[in-house]
Amino acid sequence: MDFLIQKERTGSPERFARKMELSRSTFFEYISYLRNELMLQINYDEYRETYYYEGNSFVDVFGKMRCEGCKDRLRCEAIA
C-alpha cells in the first residue's frame, strides 16, 4: 500500500482496493487508520486518480522508530 502511494500509482479507490485484495470498506478503514492513527497526510487527486503523501510517508514515520543505541528498526528489544 505504501509503495503504491509513494509512487502515486494507486488508481481510483475501487482499483486500489482490488490491487490490495481488500473490500472497499476495509480499504477505507486502512486509509482512515493511516490518516488518523499514524497521522499521515494522505490525499486523493481525482484528476490523476491516485492517492499521494503530502509530507511524511509511512517509511519516514517508521524509519524514526528505532533504538538509538543499535539503530535496528522495529526489532530491537529496547523499543518494545
PDB file of N, CA and C in Angstrom:
ATOM      1  N   MET A   1       0.832  -1.176   0.000  1.00  0.00           N
ATOM      2  CA  MET A   1       0.000   0.000   0.000  1.00  0.00           C
ATOM      3  C   MET A   1       0.887   1.254   0.000  1.00  0.00           C
ATOM      4  N   ASP A   2       1.857   1.266   0.893  1.00  0.00           N
ATOM      5  CA  ASP A   2       2.766   2.408   0.984  1.00  0.00           C
ATOM      6  C   ASP A   2       3.513   2.635  -0.321  1.00  0.00           C
ATOM      7  N   PHE A   3       3.999   1.560  -0.929  1.00  0.00           N
ATOM      8  CA  PHE A   3       4.767   1.670  -2.174  1.00  0.00           C
ATOM      9  C   PHE A   3       3.936   2.347  -3.266  1.00  0.00           C
ATOM     10  N   LEU A   4       2.689   1.918  -3.431  1.00  0.00           N
ATOM     11  CA  LEU A   4       1.838   2.498  -4.471  1.00  0.00           C
ATOM     12  C   LEU A   4       1.506   3.951  -4.191  1.00  0.00           C
ATOM     13  N   ILE A   5       1.312   4.289  -2.919  1.00  0.00           N
ATOM     14  CA  ILE A   5       1.044   5.689  -2.574  1.00  0.00           C
ATOM     15  C   ILE A   5       2.286   6.534  -2.843  1.00  0.00           C
ATOM     16  N   GLN A   6       3.460   6.035  -2.460  1.00  0.00           N
ATOM     17  CA  GLN A   6       4.699   6.778  -2.719  1.00  0.00           C
ATOM     18  C   GLN A   6       4.903   7.024  -4.211  1.00  0.00           C
ATOM     19  N   LYS A   7       4.638   6.004  -5.012  1.00  0.00           N
ATOM     20  CA  LYS A   7       4.842   6.107  -6.460  1.00  0.00           C
ATOM     21  C   LYS A   7       3.683   6.811  -7.162  1.00  0.00           C
ATOM     22  N   GLU A   8       2.621   7.112  -6.386  1.00  0.00           N
ATOM     23  CA  GLU A   8       1.419   7.759  -6.922  1.00  0.00           C
ATOM     24  C   GLU A   8       0.856   6.972  -8.103  1.00  0.00           C
ATOM     25  N   ARG A   9       0.715   5.650  -7.862  1.00  0.00           N
ATOM     26  CA  ARG A   9       0.209   4.738  -8.883  1.00  0.00           C
ATOM     27  C   ARG A   9      -0.916   3.873  -8.320  1.00  0.00           C
ATOM     28  N   THR A  10      -1.797   4.479  -7.515  1.00  0.00           N
ATOM     29  CA  THR A  10      -2.828   3.704  -6.841  1.00  0.00           C
ATOM     30  C   THR A  10      -4.056   3.443  -7.698  1.00  0.00           C
ATOM     31  N   GLY A  11      -4.391   4.380  -8.558  1.00  0.00           N
ATOM     32  CA  GLY A  11      -5.657   4.296  -9.266  1.00  0.00           C
ATOM     33  C   GLY A  11      -6.779   4.785  -8.362  1.00  0.00           C
ATOM     34  N   SER A  12      -7.996   4.601  -8.810  1.00  0.00           N
ATOM     35  CA  SER A  12      -9.166   5.029  -8.040  1.00  0.00           C
ATOM     36  C   SER A  12      -9.252   4.217  -6.747  1.00  0.00           C
ATOM     37  N   PRO A  13     -10.053   4.659  -5.790  1.00  0.00           N
ATOM     38  CA  PRO A  13     -10.193   3.874  -4.554  1.00  0.00           C
ATOM     39  C   PRO A  13     -10.622   2.430  -4.819  1.00  0.00           C
ATOM     40  N   GLU A  14     -11.540   2.241  -5.753  1.00  0.00           N
ATOM     41  CA  GLU A  14     -12.007   0.891  -6.072  1.00  0.00           C
ATOM     42  C   GLU A  14     -10.881   0.035  -6.659  1.00  0.00           C
ATOM     43  N   ARG A  15     -10.111   0.608  -7.574  1.00  0.00           N
ATOM     44  CA  ARG A  15      -8.990  -0.133  -8.174  1.00  0.00           C
ATOM     45  C   ARG A  15      -7.889  -0.403  -7.152  1.00  0.00           C
ATOM     46  N   PHE A  16      -7.637   0.581  -6.304  1.00  0.00           N
ATOM     47  CA  PHE A  16      -6.623   0.412  -5.264  1.00  0.00           C
ATOM     48  C   PHE A  16      -7.033  -0.716  -4.316  1.00  0.00           C
ATOM     49  N   ALA A  17      -8.288  -0.741  -3.925  1.00  0.00           N
ATOM     50  CA  ALA A  17      -8.783  -1.810  -3.037  1.00  0.00           C
ATOM     51  C   ALA A  17      -8.609  -3.171  -3.701  1.00  0.00           C
ATOM     52  N   ARG A  18      -8.928  -3.265  -4.990  1.00  0.00           N
ATOM     53  CA  ARG A  18      -8.755  -4.542  -5.707  1.00  0.00           C
ATOM     54  C   ARG A  18      -7.284  -4.940  -5.764  1.00  0.00           C
ATOM     55  N   LYS A  19      -6.401  -3.969  -6.029  1.00  0.00           N
ATOM     56  CA  LYS A  19      -4.964  -4.260  -6.069  1.00  0.00           C
ATOM     57  C   LYS A  19      -4.487  -4.815  -4.731  1.00  0.00           C
ATOM     58  N   MET A  20      -5.049  -4.314  -3.647  1.00  0.00           N
ATOM     59  CA  MET A  20      -4.648  -4.740  -2.312  1.00  0.00           C
ATOM     60  C   MET A  20      -5.440  -5.961  -1.843  1.00  0.00           C
ATOM     61  N   GLU A  21      -6.341  -6.440  -2.685  1.00  0.00           N
ATOM     62  CA  GLU A  21      -7.207  -7.579  -2.372  1.00  0.00           C
ATOM     63  C   GLU A  21      -8.008  -7.331  -1.094  1.00  0.00           C
ATOM     64  N   LEU A  22      -8.595  -6.126  -1.017  1.00  0.00           N
ATOM     65  CA  LEU A  22      -9.408  -5.718   0.113  1.00  0.00           C
ATOM     66  C   LEU A  22     -10.797  -5.337  -0.370  1.00  0.00           C
ATOM     67  N   SER A  23     -11.768  -5.473   0.511  1.00  0.00           N
ATOM     68  CA  SER A  23     -13.083  -4.942   0.187  1.00  0.00           C
ATOM     69  C   SER A  23     -12.990  -3.419   0.231  1.00  0.00           C
ATOM     70  N   ARG A  24     -13.936  -2.762  -0.400  1.00  0.00           N
ATOM     71  CA  ARG A  24     -13.931  -1.299  -0.425  1.00  0.00           C
ATOM     72  C   ARG A  24     -13.983  -0.736   0.997  1.00  0.00           C
ATOM     73  N   SER A  25     -14.839  -1.306   1.848  1.00  0.00           N
ATOM     74  CA  SER A  25     -14.973  -0.791   3.214  1.00  0.00           C
ATOM     75  C   SER A  25     -13.698  -1.015   4.030  1.00  0.00           C
ATOM     76  N   THR A  26     -13.069  -2.162   3.889  1.00  0.00           N
ATOM     77  CA  THR A  26     -11.816  -2.427   4.604  1.00  0.00           C
ATOM     78  C   THR A  26     -10.719  -1.498   4.110  1.00  0.00           C
ATOM     79  N   PHE A  27     -10.685  -1.259   2.817  1.00  0.00           N
ATOM     80  CA  PHE A  27      -9.712  -0.330   2.248  1.00  0.00           C
ATOM     81  C   PHE A  27      -9.833   1.047   2.906  1.00  0.00           C
ATOM     82  N   PHE A  28     -11.064   1.547   3.008  1.00  0.00           N
ATOM     83  CA  PHE A  28     -11.256   2.866   3.609  1.00  0.00           C
ATOM     84  C   PHE A  28     -10.936   2.861   5.108  1.00  0.00           C
ATOM     85  N   GLU A  29     -11.112   1.735   5.772  1.00  0.00           N
ATOM     86  CA  GLU A  29     -10.696   1.623   7.175  1.00  0.00           C
ATOM     87  C   GLU A  29      -9.178   1.754   7.275  1.00  0.00           C
ATOM     88  N   TYR A  30      -8.449   1.121   6.358  1.00  0.00           N
ATOM     89  CA  TYR A  30      -6.982   1.219   6.345  1.00  0.00           C
ATOM     90  C   TYR A  30      -6.540   2.663   6.114  1.00  0.00           C
ATOM     91  N   ILE A  31      -7.139   3.315   5.128  1.00  0.00           N
ATOM     92  CA  ILE A  31      -6.789   4.708   4.828  1.00  0.00           C
ATOM     93  C   ILE A  31      -7.084   5.578   6.045  1.00  0.00           C
ATOM     94  N   SER A  32      -8.211   5.355   6.673  1.00  0.00           N
ATOM     95  CA  SER A  32      -8.575   6.120   7.868  1.00  0.00           C
ATOM     96  C   SER A  32      -7.563   5.894   8.986  1.00  0.00           C
ATOM     97  N   TYR A  33      -7.145   4.653   9.173  1.00  0.00           N
ATOM     98  CA  TYR A  33      -6.142   4.337  10.198  1.00  0.00           C
ATOM     99  C   TYR A  33      -4.828   5.071   9.909  1.00  0.00           C
ATOM    100  N   LEU A  34      -4.382   5.017   8.666  1.00  0.00           N
ATOM    101  CA  LEU A  34      -3.134   5.694   8.302  1.00  0.00           C
ATOM    102  C   LEU A  34      -3.237   7.189   8.556  1.00  0.00           C
ATOM    103  N   ARG A  35      -4.384   7.771   8.239  1.00  0.00           N
ATOM    104  CA  ARG A  35      -4.570   9.208   8.418  1.00  0.00           C
ATOM    105  C   ARG A  35      -4.739   9.592   9.892  1.00  0.00           C
ATOM    106  N   ASN A  36      -5.619   8.895  10.596  1.00  0.00           N
ATOM    107  CA  ASN A  36      -5.994   9.319  11.945  1.00  0.00           C
ATOM    108  C   ASN A  36      -5.083   8.795  13.047  1.00  0.00           C
ATOM    109  N   GLU A  37      -4.640   7.567  12.932  1.00  0.00           N
ATOM    110  CA  GLU A  37      -3.806   6.986  13.991  1.00  0.00           C
ATOM    111  C   GLU A  37      -2.317   7.230  13.766  1.00  0.00           C
ATOM    112  N   LEU A  38      -1.872   7.116  12.531  1.00  0.00           N
ATOM    113  CA  LEU A  38      -0.455   7.313  12.228  1.00  0.00           C
ATOM    114  C   LEU A  38      -0.147   8.741  11.802  1.00  0.00           C
ATOM    115  N   MET A  39      -1.205   9.552  11.672  1.00  0.00           N
ATOM    116  CA  MET A  39      -1.078  10.978  11.348  1.00  0.00           C
ATOM    117  C   MET A  39      -0.366  11.238  10.017  1.00  0.00           C
ATOM    118  N   LEU A  40      -0.596  10.356   9.053  1.00  0.00           N
ATOM    119  CA  LEU A  40      -0.032  10.548   7.720  1.00  0.00           C
ATOM    120  C   LEU A  40      -0.990  11.391   6.896  1.00  0.00           C
ATOM    121  N   GLN A  41      -0.446  12.318   6.151  1.00  0.00           N
ATOM    122  CA  GLN A  41      -1.273  13.154   5.292  1.00  0.00           C
ATOM    123  C   GLN A  41      -1.387  12.482   3.932  1.00  0.00           C
ATOM    124  N   ILE A  42      -2.455  11.721   3.765  1.00  0.00           N
ATOM    125  CA  ILE A  42      -2.707  11.020   2.518  1.00  0.00           C
ATOM    126  C   ILE A  42      -3.871  11.709   1.831  1.00  0.00           C
ATOM    127  N   ASN A  43      -3.627  12.178   0.625  1.00  0.00           N
ATOM    128  CA  ASN A  43      -4.658  12.868  -0.148  1.00  0.00           C
ATOM    129  C   ASN A  43      -4.980  12.066  -1.395  1.00  0.00           C
ATOM    130  N   TYR A  44      -6.109  12.419  -2.007  1.00  0.00           N
ATOM    131  CA  TYR A  44      -6.510  11.780  -3.258  1.00  0.00           C
ATOM    132  C   TYR A  44      -6.678  12.852  -4.319  1.00  0.00           C
ATOM    133  N   ASP A  45      -6.058  12.650  -5.465  1.00  0.00           N
ATOM    134  CA  ASP A  45      -6.176  13.556  -6.603  1.00  0.00           C
ATOM    135  C   ASP A  45      -7.154  12.936  -7.594  1.00  0.00           C
ATOM    136  N   GLU A  46      -8.337  13.525  -7.698  1.00  0.00           N
ATOM    137  CA  GLU A  46      -9.368  12.973  -8.577  1.00  0.00           C
ATOM    138  C   GLU A  46      -8.963  13.034 -10.051  1.00  0.00           C
ATOM    139  N   TYR A  47      -8.256  14.075 -10.441  1.00  0.00           N
ATOM    140  CA  TYR A  47      -7.861  14.224 -11.842  1.00  0.00           C
ATOM    141  C   TYR A  47      -6.886  13.117 -12.251  1.00  0.00           C
ATOM    142  N   ARG A  48      -5.871  12.871 -11.423  1.00  0.00           N
ATOM    143  CA  ARG A  48      -4.873  11.833 -11.736  1.00  0.00           C
ATOM    144  C   ARG A  48      -5.296  10.454 -11.250  1.00  0.00           C
ATOM    145  N   GLU A  49      -6.370  10.407 -10.468  1.00  0.00           N
ATOM    146  CA  GLU A  49      -6.865   9.167  -9.882  1.00  0.00           C
ATOM    147  C   GLU A  49      -5.764   8.428  -9.128  1.00  0.00           C
ATOM    148  N   THR A  50      -5.229   9.091  -8.120  1.00  0.00           N
ATOM    149  CA  THR A  50      -4.211   8.460  -7.297  1.00  0.00           C
ATOM    150  C   THR A  50      -4.169   9.084  -5.908  1.00  0.00           C
ATOM    151  N   TYR A  51      -3.807   8.259  -4.944  1.00  0.00           N
ATOM    152  CA  TYR A  51      -3.513   8.752  -3.602  1.00  0.00           C
ATOM    153  C   TYR A  51      -2.048   9.162  -3.587  1.00  0.00           C
ATOM    154  N   TYR A  52      -1.726  10.120  -2.720  1.00  0.00           N
ATOM    155  CA  TYR A  52      -0.340  10.563  -2.590  1.00  0.00           C
ATOM    156  C   TYR A  52      -0.117  11.092  -1.182  1.00  0.00           C
ATOM    157  N   TYR A  53       1.140  11.078  -0.759  1.00  0.00           N
ATOM    158  CA  TYR A  53       1.512  11.638   0.535  1.00  0.00           C
ATOM    159  C   TYR A  53       1.769  13.121   0.382  1.00  0.00           C
ATOM    160  N   GLU A  54       1.279  13.871   1.339  1.00  0.00           N
ATOM    161  CA  GLU A  54       1.646  15.273   1.448  1.00  0.00           C
ATOM    162  C   GLU A  54       2.404  15.383   2.761  1.00  0.00           C
ATOM    163  N   GLY A  55       3.697  15.445   2.686  1.00  0.00           N
ATOM    164  CA  GLY A  55       4.510  15.425   3.899  1.00  0.00           C
ATOM    165  C   GLY A  55       5.169  14.071   4.061  1.00  0.00           C
ATOM    166  N   ASN A  56       5.239  13.599   5.293  1.00  0.00           N
ATOM    167  CA  ASN A  56       5.937  12.351   5.608  1.00  0.00           C
ATOM    168  C   ASN A  56       5.209  11.130   5.076  1.00  0.00           C
ATOM    169  N   SER A  57       5.976  10.174   4.595  1.00  0.00           N
ATOM    170  CA  SER A  57       5.421   8.894   4.163  1.00  0.00           C
ATOM    171  C   SER A  57       5.486   7.914   5.326  1.00  0.00           C
ATOM    172  N   PHE A  58       4.928   6.747   5.133  1.00  0.00           N
ATOM    173  CA  PHE A  58       4.944   5.678   6.127  1.00  0.00           C
ATOM    174  C   PHE A  58       6.375   5.352   6.536  1.00  0.00           C
ATOM    175  N   VAL A  59       7.255   5.250   5.570  1.00  0.00           N
ATOM    176  CA  VAL A  59       8.659   4.922   5.837  1.00  0.00           C
ATOM    177  C   VAL A  59       9.326   6.043   6.625  1.00  0.00           C
ATOM    178  N   ASP A  60       9.004   7.291   6.308  1.00  0.00           N
ATOM    179  CA  ASP A  60       9.581   8.409   7.056  1.00  0.00           C
ATOM    180  C   ASP A  60       9.211   8.327   8.530  1.00  0.00           C
ATOM    181  N   VAL A  61       7.952   7.985   8.806  1.00  0.00           N
ATOM    182  CA  VAL A  61       7.476   7.916  10.186  1.00  0.00           C
ATOM    183  C   VAL A  61       8.086   6.728  10.907  1.00  0.00           C
ATOM    184  N   PHE A  62       8.030   5.534  10.310  1.00  0.00           N
ATOM    185  CA  PHE A  62       8.517   4.347  10.982  1.00  0.00           C
ATOM    186  C   PHE A  62      10.019   4.205  10.914  1.00  0.00           C
ATOM    187  N   GLY A  63      10.663   4.886  10.018  1.00  0.00           N
ATOM    188  CA  GLY A  63      12.120   4.892   9.986  1.00  0.00           C
ATOM    189  C   GLY A  63      12.687   5.565  11.222  1.00  0.00           C
ATOM    190  N   LYS A  64      11.897   6.418  11.856  1.00  0.00           N
ATOM    191  CA  LYS A  64      12.318   7.123  13.060  1.00  0.00           C
ATOM    192  C   LYS A  64      12.133   6.272  14.305  1.00  0.00           C
ATOM    193  N   MET A  65      11.378   5.189  14.194  1.00  0.00           N
ATOM    194  CA  MET A  65      11.141   4.325  15.347  1.00  0.00           C
ATOM    195  C   MET A  65      12.221   3.255  15.409  1.00  0.00           C
ATOM    196  N   ARG A  66      13.336   3.606  15.990  1.00  0.00           N
ATOM    197  CA  ARG A  66      14.422   2.640  16.124  1.00  0.00           C
ATOM    198  C   ARG A  66      15.216   2.963  17.375  1.00  0.00           C
ATOM    199  N   CYS A  67      15.927   1.989  17.820  1.00  0.00           N
ATOM    200  CA  CYS A  67      16.764   2.145  19.006  1.00  0.00           C
ATOM    201  C   CYS A  67      17.930   3.065  18.654  1.00  0.00           C
ATOM    202  N   GLU A  68      18.162   4.069  19.481  1.00  0.00           N
ATOM    203  CA  GLU A  68      19.271   4.986  19.215  1.00  0.00           C
ATOM    204  C   GLU A  68      20.627   4.314  19.441  1.00  0.00           C
ATOM    205  N   GLY A  69      20.644   3.259  20.268  1.00  0.00           N
ATOM    206  CA  GLY A  69      21.906   2.567  20.537  1.00  0.00           C
ATOM    207  C   GLY A  69      22.346   1.695  19.389  1.00  0.00           C
ATOM    208  N   CYS A  70      21.414   0.898  18.838  1.00  0.00           N
ATOM    209  CA  CYS A  70      21.831  -0.058  17.809  1.00  0.00           C
ATOM    210  C   CYS A  70      21.291   0.290  16.418  1.00  0.00           C
ATOM    211  N   LYS A  71      20.395   1.266  16.348  1.00  0.00           N
ATOM    212  CA  LYS A  71      19.825   1.717  15.068  1.00  0.00           C
ATOM    213  C   LYS A  71      19.034   0.632  14.339  1.00  0.00           C
ATOM    214  N   ASP A  72      18.642  -0.410  15.064  1.00  0.00           N
ATOM    215  CA  ASP A  72      17.879  -1.502  14.446  1.00  0.00           C
ATOM    216  C   ASP A  72      16.408  -1.143  14.429  1.00  0.00           C
ATOM    217  N   ARG A  73      15.813  -1.093  13.266  1.00  0.00           N
ATOM    218  CA  ARG A  73      14.420  -0.692  13.122  1.00  0.00           C
ATOM    219  C   ARG A  73      13.455  -1.769  13.590  1.00  0.00           C
ATOM    220  N   LEU A  74      12.560  -1.396  14.467  1.00  0.00           N
ATOM    221  CA  LEU A  74      11.400  -2.177  14.875  1.00  0.00           C
ATOM    222  C   LEU A  74      11.690  -3.560  15.433  1.00  0.00           C
ATOM    223  N   ARG A  75      12.932  -3.990  15.501  1.00  0.00           N
ATOM    224  CA  ARG A  75      13.228  -5.320  16.028  1.00  0.00           C
ATOM    225  C   ARG A  75      13.948  -5.272  17.358  1.00  0.00           C
ATOM    226  N   CYS A  76      14.439  -4.135  17.716  1.00  0.00           N
ATOM    227  CA  CYS A  76      15.232  -4.017  18.935  1.00  0.00           C
ATOM    228  C   CYS A  76      14.326  -4.159  20.154  1.00  0.00           C
ATOM    229  N   GLU A  77      14.791  -4.893  21.145  1.00  0.00           N
ATOM    230  CA  GLU A  77      14.017  -5.097  22.367  1.00  0.00           C
ATOM    231  C   GLU A  77      13.941  -3.825  23.213  1.00  0.00           C
ATOM    232  N   ALA A  78      14.845  -2.898  23.012  1.00  0.00           N
ATOM    233  CA  ALA A  78      14.858  -1.678  23.795  1.00  0.00           C
ATOM    234  C   ALA A  78      13.659  -0.788  23.487  1.00  0.00           C
ATOM    235  N   ILE A  79      13.088  -0.885  22.281  1.00  0.00           N
ATOM    236  CA  ILE A  79      11.933  -0.051  21.937  1.00  0.00           C
ATOM    237  C   ILE A  79      10.628  -0.803  22.068  1.00  0.00           C
ATOM    238  N   ALA A  80      10.685  -2.073  22.448  1.00  0.00           N
ATOM    239  CA  ALA A  80       9.459  -2.880  22.584  1.00  0.00           C
ATOM    240  C   ALA A  80       8.716  -2.549  23.855  1.00  0.00           C
TER     241      ALA A  80
END
